[in-house]
Amino acid sequence: MSRIGNRIINVPESVTVTEENGYVVVKGPKGTLQEKLLEGITIKQENNQIILERKSDIYKANHGTMNALITNMIKGVTEGFQKALEIIGVGYRFNVQGKKLTINAGYSHPVEMEVPEGLTVESSSNTEITVKGIDKIKVGEFAANIRKVRMPEPYKGKGIRYKDEHVRRKEGKKAAK
């Protein structure tokens, strides 16, 4: 039995969840999200609660996945999601100008990235940024793409990392005795 799929989803007063043409549409104060309803899953809405049901055990994985997706969409349109990143290294910095993010990460050229539609990037300093949006998947994917520009290395710890990430450090070569 899928325990995640069987969870009852509580819908806040400011959010509406509807099923339209095989899509689940979630509308809230921060915006609207929609996701294709996975195969074999049906939605029952009672009062301010959503219960997902599956046709048979074949759709067990879809059951839990759809429950998690709807829960994340409800959280996104009410609170939103954010990922904080920091860059560590001499001369490394972020520069945000409108919908363009410029990263100086020790290469011979600055790396320029276009901020996707529906996301915002805020800079608290030139070494820290926060990616914000209502879609958890888009926020996480864009933050991962930023991190890929210069992954943190284990010897000096230089690179781009998530704010709460711990980089495991390695010891370098030892002097011969």
Protein backbone atom coordinates (compact mmCIF):
# COMPACT_ATOMS: atom_id res chain seq x y z
CA MET A 1 0.00 0.00 0.00
CA SER A 2 1.27 3.45 -0.92
CA ARG A 3 1.43 5.47 2.28
CA ILE A 4 2.28 8.72 0.54
CA GLY A 5 -0.53 8.27 -1.97
CA ASN A 6 -3.04 7.65 0.81
CA ARG A 7 -2.29 10.91 2.63
CA ILE A 8 -5.20 13.31 2.73
CA ILE A 9 -4.30 16.69 1.22
CA ASN A 10 -5.72 19.68 3.10
CA VAL A 11 -6.53 22.63 0.84
CA PRO A 12 -6.31 26.14 2.39
CA GLU A 13 -9.23 28.56 2.00
CA SER A 14 -7.35 30.78 -0.48
CA VAL A 15 -6.59 27.89 -2.87
CA THR A 16 -8.84 26.18 -5.42
CA VAL A 17 -8.02 22.78 -6.93
CA THR A 18 -9.90 21.63 -10.02
CA GLU A 19 -9.58 18.87 -12.60
CA GLU A 20 -9.89 20.04 -16.22
CA ASN A 21 -9.36 17.83 -19.29
CA GLY A 22 -6.95 15.45 -17.54
CA TYR A 23 -5.01 18.25 -15.83
CA VAL A 24 -4.99 19.28 -12.17
CA VAL A 25 -5.18 23.07 -11.92
CA VAL A 26 -4.23 24.78 -8.64
CA LYS A 27 -5.01 28.50 -8.24
CA GLY A 28 -3.83 30.54 -5.28
CA PRO A 29 -2.70 33.99 -4.18
CA LYS A 30 0.75 33.69 -5.84
CA GLY A 31 -0.41 32.28 -9.18
CA THR A 32 -1.66 29.25 -11.06
CA LEU A 33 -0.01 25.87 -11.64
CA GLN A 34 -1.17 22.89 -13.65
CA GLU A 35 0.06 19.31 -13.91
CA LYS A 36 -1.09 16.40 -16.07
CA LEU A 37 -3.04 13.86 -14.03
CA LEU A 38 -1.08 10.61 -14.06
CA GLU A 39 -2.60 7.46 -15.51
CA GLY A 40 -4.85 5.40 -13.26
CA ILE A 41 -5.37 8.12 -10.63
CA THR A 42 -8.69 9.78 -9.77
CA ILE A 43 -9.34 12.79 -7.55
CA LYS A 44 -12.13 13.07 -4.99
CA GLN A 45 -12.68 16.44 -3.33
CA GLU A 46 -14.67 16.64 -0.08
CA ASN A 47 -14.94 19.92 1.87
CA ASN A 48 -11.36 21.26 1.93
CA GLN A 49 -9.68 17.89 1.48
CA ILE A 50 -8.45 15.98 -1.55
CA ILE A 51 -8.26 12.19 -1.61
CA LEU A 52 -6.46 10.42 -4.46
CA GLU A 53 -7.49 6.92 -5.49
CA ARG A 54 -5.88 4.48 -7.89
CA LYS A 55 -7.61 1.97 -10.16
CA SER A 56 -5.33 -0.94 -9.24
CA ASP A 57 -1.94 -1.77 -7.71
CA ILE A 58 -0.29 -1.30 -11.10
CA TYR A 59 -0.53 2.46 -10.53
CA LYS A 60 0.99 2.40 -7.04
CA ALA A 61 3.98 4.58 -7.99
CA ASN A 62 1.75 7.11 -9.76
CA HIS A 63 -0.42 7.31 -6.64
CA GLY A 64 2.37 8.60 -4.39
CA THR A 65 3.88 10.78 -7.10
CA MET A 66 0.59 12.54 -7.86
CA ASN A 67 -0.04 13.15 -4.15
CA ALA A 68 3.41 14.74 -3.75
CA LEU A 69 2.96 16.87 -6.90
CA ILE A 70 -0.39 18.25 -5.78
CA THR A 71 0.95 18.94 -2.28
CA ASN A 72 3.92 20.84 -3.77
CA MET A 73 1.64 22.83 -6.09
CA ILE A 74 -0.56 23.89 -3.16
CA LYS A 75 2.51 24.94 -1.15
CA GLY A 76 3.89 26.79 -4.19
CA VAL A 77 0.80 28.94 -4.81
CA THR A 78 0.50 29.83 -1.11
CA GLU A 79 4.08 30.21 0.17
CA GLY A 80 6.36 29.69 -2.84
CA PHE A 81 9.73 27.96 -2.96
CA GLN A 82 13.26 29.29 -2.73
CA LYS A 83 16.82 28.02 -2.96
CA ALA A 84 19.74 30.04 -1.63
CA LEU A 85 23.18 29.71 -3.21
CA GLU A 86 26.56 31.11 -2.27
CA ILE A 87 29.80 31.37 -4.21
CA ILE A 88 33.16 30.93 -2.50
CA GLY A 89 36.50 31.88 -4.05
CA VAL A 90 38.70 34.90 -4.61
CA GLY A 91 37.11 37.09 -7.29
CA TYR A 92 34.04 34.86 -7.60
CA ARG A 93 30.75 36.77 -7.65
CA PHE A 94 27.16 36.92 -8.89
CA ASN A 95 25.66 39.89 -10.70
CA VAL A 96 21.88 40.08 -11.22
CA GLN A 97 20.50 42.56 -13.77
CA GLY A 98 16.80 42.13 -14.49
CA LYS A 99 16.30 38.69 -16.09
CA LYS A 100 20.03 38.09 -16.60
CA LEU A 101 22.42 36.44 -14.12
CA THR A 102 26.15 36.89 -14.68
CA ILE A 103 28.52 34.58 -12.83
CA ASN A 104 32.25 35.26 -12.45
CA ALA A 105 33.64 31.91 -11.30
CA GLY A 106 37.31 31.95 -12.22
CA TYR A 107 36.93 31.28 -15.94
CA SER A 108 38.44 33.51 -18.63
CA HIS A 109 34.92 34.79 -19.36
CA PRO A 110 31.83 35.55 -17.28
CA VAL A 111 29.02 32.98 -17.56
CA GLU A 112 25.67 34.56 -18.43
CA MET A 113 22.39 32.78 -17.71
CA GLU A 114 18.86 33.83 -18.63
CA VAL A 115 16.41 33.56 -15.71
CA PRO A 116 13.45 31.34 -16.80
CA GLU A 117 9.89 32.66 -16.93
CA GLY A 118 8.14 32.46 -13.56
CA LEU A 119 11.33 32.67 -11.48
CA THR A 120 13.05 35.59 -9.79
CA VAL A 121 16.65 35.83 -8.65
CA GLU A 122 17.46 38.16 -5.77
CA SER A 123 20.94 39.09 -4.66
CA SER A 124 21.59 39.84 -0.99
CA SER A 125 25.30 40.43 -1.67
CA ASN A 126 27.61 39.80 -4.60
CA THR A 127 28.39 36.31 -3.26
CA GLU A 128 24.85 35.20 -2.32
CA ILE A 129 21.68 34.81 -4.39
CA THR A 130 18.22 33.36 -3.83
CA VAL A 131 16.16 31.72 -6.57
CA LYS A 132 12.41 32.11 -5.90
CA GLY A 133 9.28 30.85 -7.64
CA ILE A 134 6.01 28.97 -7.25
CA ASP A 135 7.06 25.82 -9.17
CA LYS A 136 9.32 23.60 -7.05
CA ILE A 137 10.68 21.76 -10.10
CA LYS A 138 11.71 24.94 -11.94
CA VAL A 139 13.32 26.47 -8.83
CA GLY A 140 15.34 23.34 -8.10
CA GLU A 141 16.40 22.81 -11.70
CA PHE A 142 17.57 26.40 -12.23
CA ALA A 143 19.47 26.37 -8.91
CA ALA A 144 21.15 23.10 -9.95
CA ASN A 145 22.13 24.63 -13.33
CA ILE A 146 23.70 27.60 -11.53
CA ARG A 147 25.60 25.22 -9.24
CA LYS A 148 26.88 23.28 -12.29
CA VAL A 149 28.79 26.34 -13.52
CA ARG A 150 31.45 25.73 -10.84
CA MET A 151 30.74 22.77 -8.55
CA PRO A 152 32.35 22.97 -5.09
CA GLU A 153 35.68 21.20 -5.03
CA PRO A 154 36.79 19.17 -2.01
CA TYR A 155 40.33 20.50 -1.50
CA LYS A 156 39.91 24.27 -1.07
CA GLY A 157 36.11 24.38 -0.96
CA LYS A 158 35.87 26.87 -3.83
CA GLY A 159 32.81 26.94 -6.07
CA ILE A 160 29.04 27.45 -5.99
CA ARG A 161 27.08 25.64 -3.30
CA TYR A 162 23.66 25.67 -1.71
CA LYS A 163 23.44 27.74 1.46
CA ASP A 164 22.78 24.70 3.68
CA GLU A 165 25.15 22.35 1.81
CA HIS A 166 28.12 20.80 3.58
CA VAL A 167 31.10 20.15 1.30
CA ARG A 168 33.19 17.27 2.54
CA ARG A 169 36.83 18.41 2.57
CA LYS A 170 39.81 16.26 1.62
CA GLU A 171 43.36 16.52 2.80
CA GLY A 172 45.87 17.42 0.09
CA LYS A 173 49.27 15.86 -0.54
CA LYS A 174 51.47 15.52 2.49
CA ALA A 175 55.10 16.53 2.47
CA ALA A 176 57.49 13.58 2.14
CA LYS A 177 59.27 12.63 5.36
